[in-house]
PDB file of N, CA and C in Angstrom:
ATOM      1  N   UNK A   1     -25.302 -16.148  18.858  1.00  0.00           N
ATOM      2  CA  UNK A   1     -24.328 -15.267  18.254  1.00  0.00           C
ATOM      3  C   UNK A   1     -25.066 -14.257  17.384  1.00  0.00           C
ATOM      4  N   UNK A   2     -24.754 -12.972  17.530  1.00  0.00           N
ATOM      5  CA  UNK A   2     -25.319 -11.946  16.662  1.00  0.00           C
ATOM      6  C   UNK A   2     -24.170 -11.126  16.100  1.00  0.00           C
ATOM      7  N   UNK A   3     -24.054 -11.166  14.795  1.00  0.00           N
ATOM      8  CA  UNK A   3     -22.941 -10.537  14.107  1.00  0.00           C
ATOM      9  C   UNK A   3     -23.427  -9.263  13.434  1.00  0.00           C
ATOM     10  N   UNK A   4     -22.641  -8.198  13.561  1.00  0.00           N
ATOM     11  CA  UNK A   4     -22.890  -6.960  12.845  1.00  0.00           C
ATOM     12  C   UNK A   4     -21.893  -6.923  11.696  1.00  0.00           C
ATOM     13  N   UNK A   5     -22.396  -6.668  10.493  1.00  0.00           N
ATOM     14  CA  UNK A   5     -21.533  -6.614   9.323  1.00  0.00           C
ATOM     15  C   UNK A   5     -21.491  -5.177   8.831  1.00  0.00           C
ATOM     16  N   UNK A   6     -20.281  -4.670   8.616  1.00  0.00           N
ATOM     17  CA  UNK A   6     -20.072  -3.332   8.085  1.00  0.00           C
ATOM     18  C   UNK A   6     -19.493  -3.435   6.687  1.00  0.00           C
ATOM     19  N   UNK A   7     -20.065  -2.666   5.761  1.00  0.00           N
ATOM     20  CA  UNK A   7     -19.633  -2.717   4.369  1.00  0.00           C
ATOM     21  C   UNK A   7     -19.393  -1.296   3.872  1.00  0.00           C
ATOM     22  N   UNK A   8     -18.211  -1.081   3.299  1.00  0.00           N
ATOM     23  CA  UNK A   8     -17.862   0.197   2.673  1.00  0.00           C
ATOM     24  C   UNK A   8     -17.807  -0.045   1.172  1.00  0.00           C
ATOM     25  N   UNK A   9     -18.806   0.477   0.446  1.00  0.00           N
ATOM     26  CA  UNK A   9     -18.928   0.235  -0.988  1.00  0.00           C
ATOM     27  C   UNK A   9     -18.209   1.336  -1.753  1.00  0.00           C
ATOM     28  N   UNK A  10     -17.264   0.930  -2.576  1.00  0.00           N
ATOM     29  CA  UNK A  10     -16.564   1.864  -3.444  1.00  0.00           C
ATOM     30  C   UNK A  10     -16.998   1.666  -4.876  1.00  0.00           C
ATOM     31  N   UNK A  11     -16.430   2.432  -5.788  1.00  0.00           N
ATOM     32  CA  UNK A  11     -16.769   2.317  -7.195  1.00  0.00           C
ATOM     33  C   UNK A  11     -16.493   0.939  -7.753  1.00  0.00           C
ATOM     34  N   UNK A  12     -15.393   0.344  -7.338  1.00  0.00           N
ATOM     35  CA  UNK A  12     -15.063  -1.005  -7.818  1.00  0.00           C
ATOM     36  C   UNK A  12     -14.553  -1.911  -6.703  1.00  0.00           C
ATOM     37  N   UNK A  13     -14.218  -1.336  -5.558  1.00  0.00           N
ATOM     38  CA  UNK A  13     -13.703  -2.131  -4.441  1.00  0.00           C
ATOM     39  C   UNK A  13     -14.613  -1.954  -3.230  1.00  0.00           C
ATOM     40  N   UNK A  14     -14.950  -3.061  -2.605  1.00  0.00           N
ATOM     41  CA  UNK A  14     -15.790  -3.038  -1.414  1.00  0.00           C
ATOM     42  C   UNK A  14     -15.044  -3.694  -0.266  1.00  0.00           C
ATOM     43  N   UNK A  15     -15.055  -3.019   0.887  1.00  0.00           N
ATOM     44  CA  UNK A  15     -14.436  -3.567   2.093  1.00  0.00           C
ATOM     45  C   UNK A  15     -15.554  -4.029   3.022  1.00  0.00           C
ATOM     46  N   UNK A  16     -15.358  -5.188   3.642  1.00  0.00           N
ATOM     47  CA  UNK A  16     -16.387  -5.749   4.518  1.00  0.00           C
ATOM     48  C   UNK A  16     -15.724  -6.324   5.764  1.00  0.00           C
ATOM     49  N   UNK A  17     -16.437  -6.186   6.871  1.00  0.00           N
ATOM     50  CA  UNK A  17     -15.921  -6.681   8.149  1.00  0.00           C
ATOM     51  C   UNK A  17     -17.102  -7.133   9.002  1.00  0.00           C
ATOM     52  N   UNK A  18     -16.880  -8.113   9.831  1.00  0.00           N
ATOM     53  CA  UNK A  18     -17.899  -8.563  10.768  1.00  0.00           C
ATOM     54  C   UNK A  18     -17.416  -8.337  12.192  1.00  0.00           C
ATOM     55  N   UNK A  19     -18.347  -8.024  13.063  1.00  0.00           N
ATOM     56  CA  UNK A  19     -18.025  -7.861  14.484  1.00  0.00           C
ATOM     57  C   UNK A  19     -18.941  -8.794  15.261  1.00  0.00           C
ATOM     58  N   UNK A  20     -18.313  -9.671  16.044  1.00  0.00           N
ATOM     59  CA  UNK A  20     -19.036 -10.663  16.834  1.00  0.00           C
ATOM     60  C   UNK A  20     -18.540 -10.568  18.267  1.00  0.00           C
ATOM     61  N   UNK A  21     -19.437 -10.209  19.187  1.00  0.00           N
ATOM     62  CA  UNK A  21     -19.061 -10.041  20.603  1.00  0.00           C
ATOM     63  C   UNK A  21     -17.861  -9.118  20.767  1.00  0.00           C
ATOM     64  N   UNK A  22     -17.917  -7.960  20.117  1.00  0.00           N
ATOM     65  CA  UNK A  22     -16.864  -6.940  20.170  1.00  0.00           C
ATOM     66  C   UNK A  22     -15.518  -7.422  19.643  1.00  0.00           C
ATOM     67  N   UNK A  23     -15.533  -8.459  18.829  1.00  0.00           N
ATOM     68  CA  UNK A  23     -14.311  -8.997  18.224  1.00  0.00           C
ATOM     69  C   UNK A  23     -14.431  -8.900  16.710  1.00  0.00           C
ATOM     70  N   UNK A  24     -13.415  -8.336  16.073  1.00  0.00           N
ATOM     71  CA  UNK A  24     -13.400  -8.211  14.615  1.00  0.00           C
ATOM     72  C   UNK A  24     -13.151  -9.574  13.994  1.00  0.00           C
ATOM     73  N   UNK A  25     -13.961  -9.904  12.975  1.00  0.00           N
ATOM     74  CA  UNK A  25     -13.816 -11.163  12.255  1.00  0.00           C
ATOM     75  C   UNK A  25     -13.328 -10.887  10.836  1.00  0.00           C
ATOM     76  N   UNK A  26     -12.160 -11.341  10.493  1.00  0.00           N
ATOM     77  CA  UNK A  26     -11.635 -11.412   9.131  1.00  0.00           C
ATOM     78  C   UNK A  26     -12.062 -10.303   8.167  1.00  0.00           C
ATOM     79  N   UNK A  27     -11.441  -9.134   8.214  1.00  0.00           N
ATOM     80  CA  UNK A  27     -11.741  -8.101   7.211  1.00  0.00           C
ATOM     81  C   UNK A  27     -11.439  -8.637   5.805  1.00  0.00           C
ATOM     82  N   UNK A  28     -12.182  -8.163   4.807  1.00  0.00           N
ATOM     83  CA  UNK A  28     -12.030  -8.670   3.445  1.00  0.00           C
ATOM     84  C   UNK A  28     -12.252  -7.525   2.460  1.00  0.00           C
ATOM     85  N   UNK A  29     -11.583  -7.596   1.322  1.00  0.00           N
ATOM     86  CA  UNK A  29     -11.785  -6.652   0.231  1.00  0.00           C
ATOM     87  C   UNK A  29     -12.165  -7.424  -1.018  1.00  0.00           C
ATOM     88  N   UNK A  30     -13.180  -6.932  -1.727  1.00  0.00           N
ATOM     89  CA  UNK A  30     -13.643  -7.570  -2.961  1.00  0.00           C
ATOM     90  C   UNK A  30     -13.654  -6.517  -4.059  1.00  0.00           C
ATOM     91  N   UNK A  31     -13.156  -6.877  -5.228  1.00  0.00           N
ATOM     92  CA  UNK A  31     -13.122  -5.972  -6.370  1.00  0.00           C
ATOM     93  C   UNK A  31     -14.067  -6.475  -7.450  1.00  0.00           C
ATOM     94  N   UNK A  32     -14.836  -5.552  -8.045  1.00  0.00           N
ATOM     95  CA  UNK A  32     -15.743  -5.894  -9.139  1.00  0.00           C
ATOM     96  C   UNK A  32     -15.848  -4.698 -10.077  1.00  0.00           C
ATOM     97  N   UNK A  33     -16.574  -4.864 -11.152  1.00  0.00           N
ATOM     98  CA  UNK A  33     -16.662  -3.809 -12.156  1.00  0.00           C
ATOM     99  C   UNK A  33     -17.649  -2.705 -11.821  1.00  0.00           C
ATOM    100  N   UNK A  34     -18.560  -2.947 -10.882  1.00  0.00           N
ATOM    101  CA  UNK A  34     -19.521  -1.910 -10.492  1.00  0.00           C
ATOM    102  C   UNK A  34     -19.886  -2.089  -9.015  1.00  0.00           C
ATOM    103  N   UNK A  35     -20.421  -1.032  -8.391  1.00  0.00           N
ATOM    104  CA  UNK A  35     -20.701  -1.083  -6.943  1.00  0.00           C
ATOM    105  C   UNK A  35     -21.704  -2.155  -6.525  1.00  0.00           C
ATOM    106  N   UNK A  36     -22.741  -2.400  -7.308  1.00  0.00           N
ATOM    107  CA  UNK A  36     -23.760  -3.380  -6.925  1.00  0.00           C
ATOM    108  C   UNK A  36     -23.171  -4.785  -6.924  1.00  0.00           C
ATOM    109  N   UNK A  37     -22.439  -5.109  -7.986  1.00  0.00           N
ATOM    110  CA  UNK A  37     -21.788  -6.421  -8.054  1.00  0.00           C
ATOM    111  C   UNK A  37     -20.799  -6.577  -6.912  1.00  0.00           C
ATOM    112  N   UNK A  38     -20.053  -5.522  -6.650  1.00  0.00           N
ATOM    113  CA  UNK A  38     -19.066  -5.557  -5.573  1.00  0.00           C
ATOM    114  C   UNK A  38     -19.737  -5.766  -4.214  1.00  0.00           C
ATOM    115  N   UNK A  39     -20.849  -5.071  -3.978  1.00  0.00           N
ATOM    116  CA  UNK A  39     -21.573  -5.193  -2.709  1.00  0.00           C
ATOM    117  C   UNK A  39     -22.091  -6.611  -2.487  1.00  0.00           C
ATOM    118  N   UNK A  40     -22.835  -7.135  -3.451  1.00  0.00           N
ATOM    119  CA  UNK A  40     -23.411  -8.463  -3.282  1.00  0.00           C
ATOM    120  C   UNK A  40     -22.345  -9.551  -3.293  1.00  0.00           C
ATOM    121  N   UNK A  41     -21.302  -9.360  -4.093  1.00  0.00           N
ATOM    122  CA  UNK A  41     -20.207 -10.325  -4.109  1.00  0.00           C
ATOM    123  C   UNK A  41     -19.488 -10.373  -2.769  1.00  0.00           C
ATOM    124  N   UNK A  42     -19.235  -9.202  -2.200  1.00  0.00           N
ATOM    125  CA  UNK A  42     -18.554  -9.132  -0.907  1.00  0.00           C
ATOM    126  C   UNK A  42     -19.397  -9.775   0.189  1.00  0.00           C
ATOM    127  N   UNK A  43     -20.686  -9.450   0.219  1.00  0.00           N
ATOM    128  CA  UNK A  43     -21.564  -9.986   1.256  1.00  0.00           C
ATOM    129  C   UNK A  43     -21.642 -11.510   1.167  1.00  0.00           C
ATOM    130  N   UNK A  44     -21.894 -12.025  -0.018  1.00  0.00           N
ATOM    131  CA  UNK A  44     -22.000 -13.473  -0.203  1.00  0.00           C
ATOM    132  C   UNK A  44     -20.710 -14.199   0.119  1.00  0.00           C
ATOM    133  N   UNK A  45     -19.596 -13.665  -0.377  1.00  0.00           N
ATOM    134  CA  UNK A  45     -18.294 -14.295  -0.131  1.00  0.00           C
ATOM    135  C   UNK A  45     -17.957 -14.259   1.353  1.00  0.00           C
ATOM    136  N   UNK A  46     -18.243 -13.138   2.009  1.00  0.00           N
ATOM    137  CA  UNK A  46     -17.910 -12.995   3.425  1.00  0.00           C
ATOM    138  C   UNK A  46     -18.671 -14.007   4.281  1.00  0.00           C
ATOM    139  N   UNK A  47     -19.981 -14.092   4.101  1.00  0.00           N
ATOM    140  CA  UNK A  47     -20.733 -15.025   4.945  1.00  0.00           C
ATOM    141  C   UNK A  47     -20.389 -16.474   4.603  1.00  0.00           C
ATOM    142  N   UNK A  48     -20.118 -16.760   3.338  1.00  0.00           N
ATOM    143  CA  UNK A  48     -19.739 -18.123   2.943  1.00  0.00           C
ATOM    144  C   UNK A  48     -18.370 -18.497   3.525  1.00  0.00           C
ATOM    145  N   UNK A  49     -17.366 -17.644   3.312  1.00  0.00           N
ATOM    146  CA  UNK A  49     -16.003 -17.940   3.778  1.00  0.00           C
ATOM    147  C   UNK A  49     -15.904 -18.048   5.296  1.00  0.00           C
ATOM    148  N   UNK A  50     -16.772 -17.334   6.025  1.00  0.00           N
ATOM    149  CA  UNK A  50     -16.716 -17.330   7.482  1.00  0.00           C
ATOM    150  C   UNK A  50     -17.765 -18.232   8.123  1.00  0.00           C
ATOM    151  N   UNK A  51     -18.496 -18.975   7.314  1.00  0.00           N
ATOM    152  CA  UNK A  51     -19.491 -19.910   7.847  1.00  0.00           C
ATOM    153  C   UNK A  51     -20.600 -19.235   8.637  1.00  0.00           C
ATOM    154  N   UNK A  52     -21.029 -18.060   8.183  1.00  0.00           N
ATOM    155  CA  UNK A  52     -22.058 -17.295   8.882  1.00  0.00           C
ATOM    156  C   UNK A  52     -23.408 -17.555   8.206  1.00  0.00           C
ATOM    157  N   UNK A  53     -24.410 -17.902   9.000  1.00  0.00           N
ATOM    158  CA  UNK A  53     -25.754 -18.073   8.449  1.00  0.00           C
ATOM    159  C   UNK A  53     -26.496 -16.738   8.552  1.00  0.00           C
ATOM    160  N   UNK A  54     -27.518 -16.561   7.729  1.00  0.00           N
ATOM    161  CA  UNK A  54     -28.279 -15.312   7.755  1.00  0.00           C
ATOM    162  C   UNK A  54     -28.934 -15.075   9.121  1.00  0.00           C
ATOM    163  N   UNK A  55     -29.301 -16.149   9.805  1.00  0.00           N
ATOM    164  CA  UNK A  55     -29.929 -16.021  11.118  1.00  0.00           C
ATOM    165  C   UNK A  55     -28.985 -15.426  12.158  1.00  0.00           C
ATOM    166  N   UNK A  56     -27.685 -15.552  11.940  1.00  0.00           N
ATOM    167  CA  UNK A  56     -26.694 -15.037  12.884  1.00  0.00           C
ATOM    168  C   UNK A  56     -26.441 -13.539  12.719  1.00  0.00           C
ATOM    169  N   UNK A  57     -26.898 -12.956  11.614  1.00  0.00           N
ATOM    170  CA  UNK A  57     -26.626 -11.550  11.328  1.00  0.00           C
ATOM    171  C   UNK A  57     -27.690 -10.676  11.980  1.00  0.00           C
ATOM    172  N   UNK A  58     -27.234  -9.820  12.885  1.00  0.00           N
ATOM    173  CA  UNK A  58     -28.143  -8.912  13.583  1.00  0.00           C
ATOM    174  C   UNK A  58     -28.404  -7.661  12.754  1.00  0.00           C
ATOM    175  N   UNK A  59     -27.338  -7.145  12.104  1.00  0.00           N
ATOM    176  CA  UNK A  59     -27.448  -5.869  11.421  1.00  0.00           C
ATOM    177  C   UNK A  59     -26.395  -5.803  10.322  1.00  0.00           C
ATOM    178  N   UNK A  60     -26.737  -5.135   9.221  1.00  0.00           N
ATOM    179  CA  UNK A  60     -25.778  -4.846   8.154  1.00  0.00           C
ATOM    180  C   UNK A  60     -25.763  -3.332   7.991  1.00  0.00           C
ATOM    181  N   UNK A  61     -24.571  -2.735   8.079  1.00  0.00           N
ATOM    182  CA  UNK A  61     -24.430  -1.289   7.971  1.00  0.00           C
ATOM    183  C   UNK A  61     -23.615  -0.966   6.726  1.00  0.00           C
ATOM    184  N   UNK A  62     -24.119  -0.020   5.913  1.00  0.00           N
ATOM    185  CA  UNK A  62     -23.480   0.340   4.652  1.00  0.00           C
ATOM    186  C   UNK A  62     -23.012   1.778   4.654  1.00  0.00           C
ATOM    187  N   UNK A  63     -21.906   2.028   3.974  1.00  0.00           N
ATOM    188  CA  UNK A  63     -21.430   3.372   3.732  1.00  0.00           C
ATOM    189  C   UNK A  63     -20.711   3.375   2.397  1.00  0.00           C
ATOM    190  N   UNK A  64     -20.460   4.546   1.881  1.00  0.00           N
ATOM    191  CA  UNK A  64     -19.704   4.657   0.643  1.00  0.00           C
ATOM    192  C   UNK A  64     -20.572   5.045  -0.534  1.00  0.00           C
ATOM    193  N   UNK A  65     -19.968   5.001  -1.704  1.00  0.00           N
ATOM    194  CA  UNK A  65     -20.614   5.458  -2.934  1.00  0.00           C
ATOM    195  C   UNK A  65     -21.871   4.667  -3.258  1.00  0.00           C
ATOM    196  N   UNK A  66     -21.941   3.395  -2.938  1.00  0.00           N
ATOM    197  CA  UNK A  66     -23.105   2.585  -3.270  1.00  0.00           C
ATOM    198  C   UNK A  66     -24.112   2.446  -2.163  1.00  0.00           C
ATOM    199  N   UNK A  67     -23.921   3.097  -1.039  1.00  0.00           N
ATOM    200  CA  UNK A  67     -24.788   2.857   0.120  1.00  0.00           C
ATOM    201  C   UNK A  67     -26.191   3.435  -0.045  1.00  0.00           C
ATOM    202  N   UNK A  68     -26.382   4.381  -0.935  1.00  0.00           N
ATOM    203  CA  UNK A  68     -27.697   4.997  -1.108  1.00  0.00           C
ATOM    204  C   UNK A  68     -28.531   4.273  -2.164  1.00  0.00           C
ATOM    205  N   UNK A  69     -28.014   3.226  -2.763  1.00  0.00           N
ATOM    206  CA  UNK A  69     -28.745   2.526  -3.828  1.00  0.00           C
ATOM    207  C   UNK A  69     -29.806   1.621  -3.259  1.00  0.00           C
TER     208      UNK A  69
END
């Protein structure tokens, strides 16, 4: 299994989604006080809640206000 994770980082809200074999897996939104906390919180929560190991992740794609950090 190779999962692609897409993350849209906002000022306080981050949206994250996984795609596995052209199938969308459980979109999620995470809110935090700053973009970095929101990004790492979303990523950790997403892989934990969906039982995804780091070895299963093929690619992580970022966009939004925090993507250039």
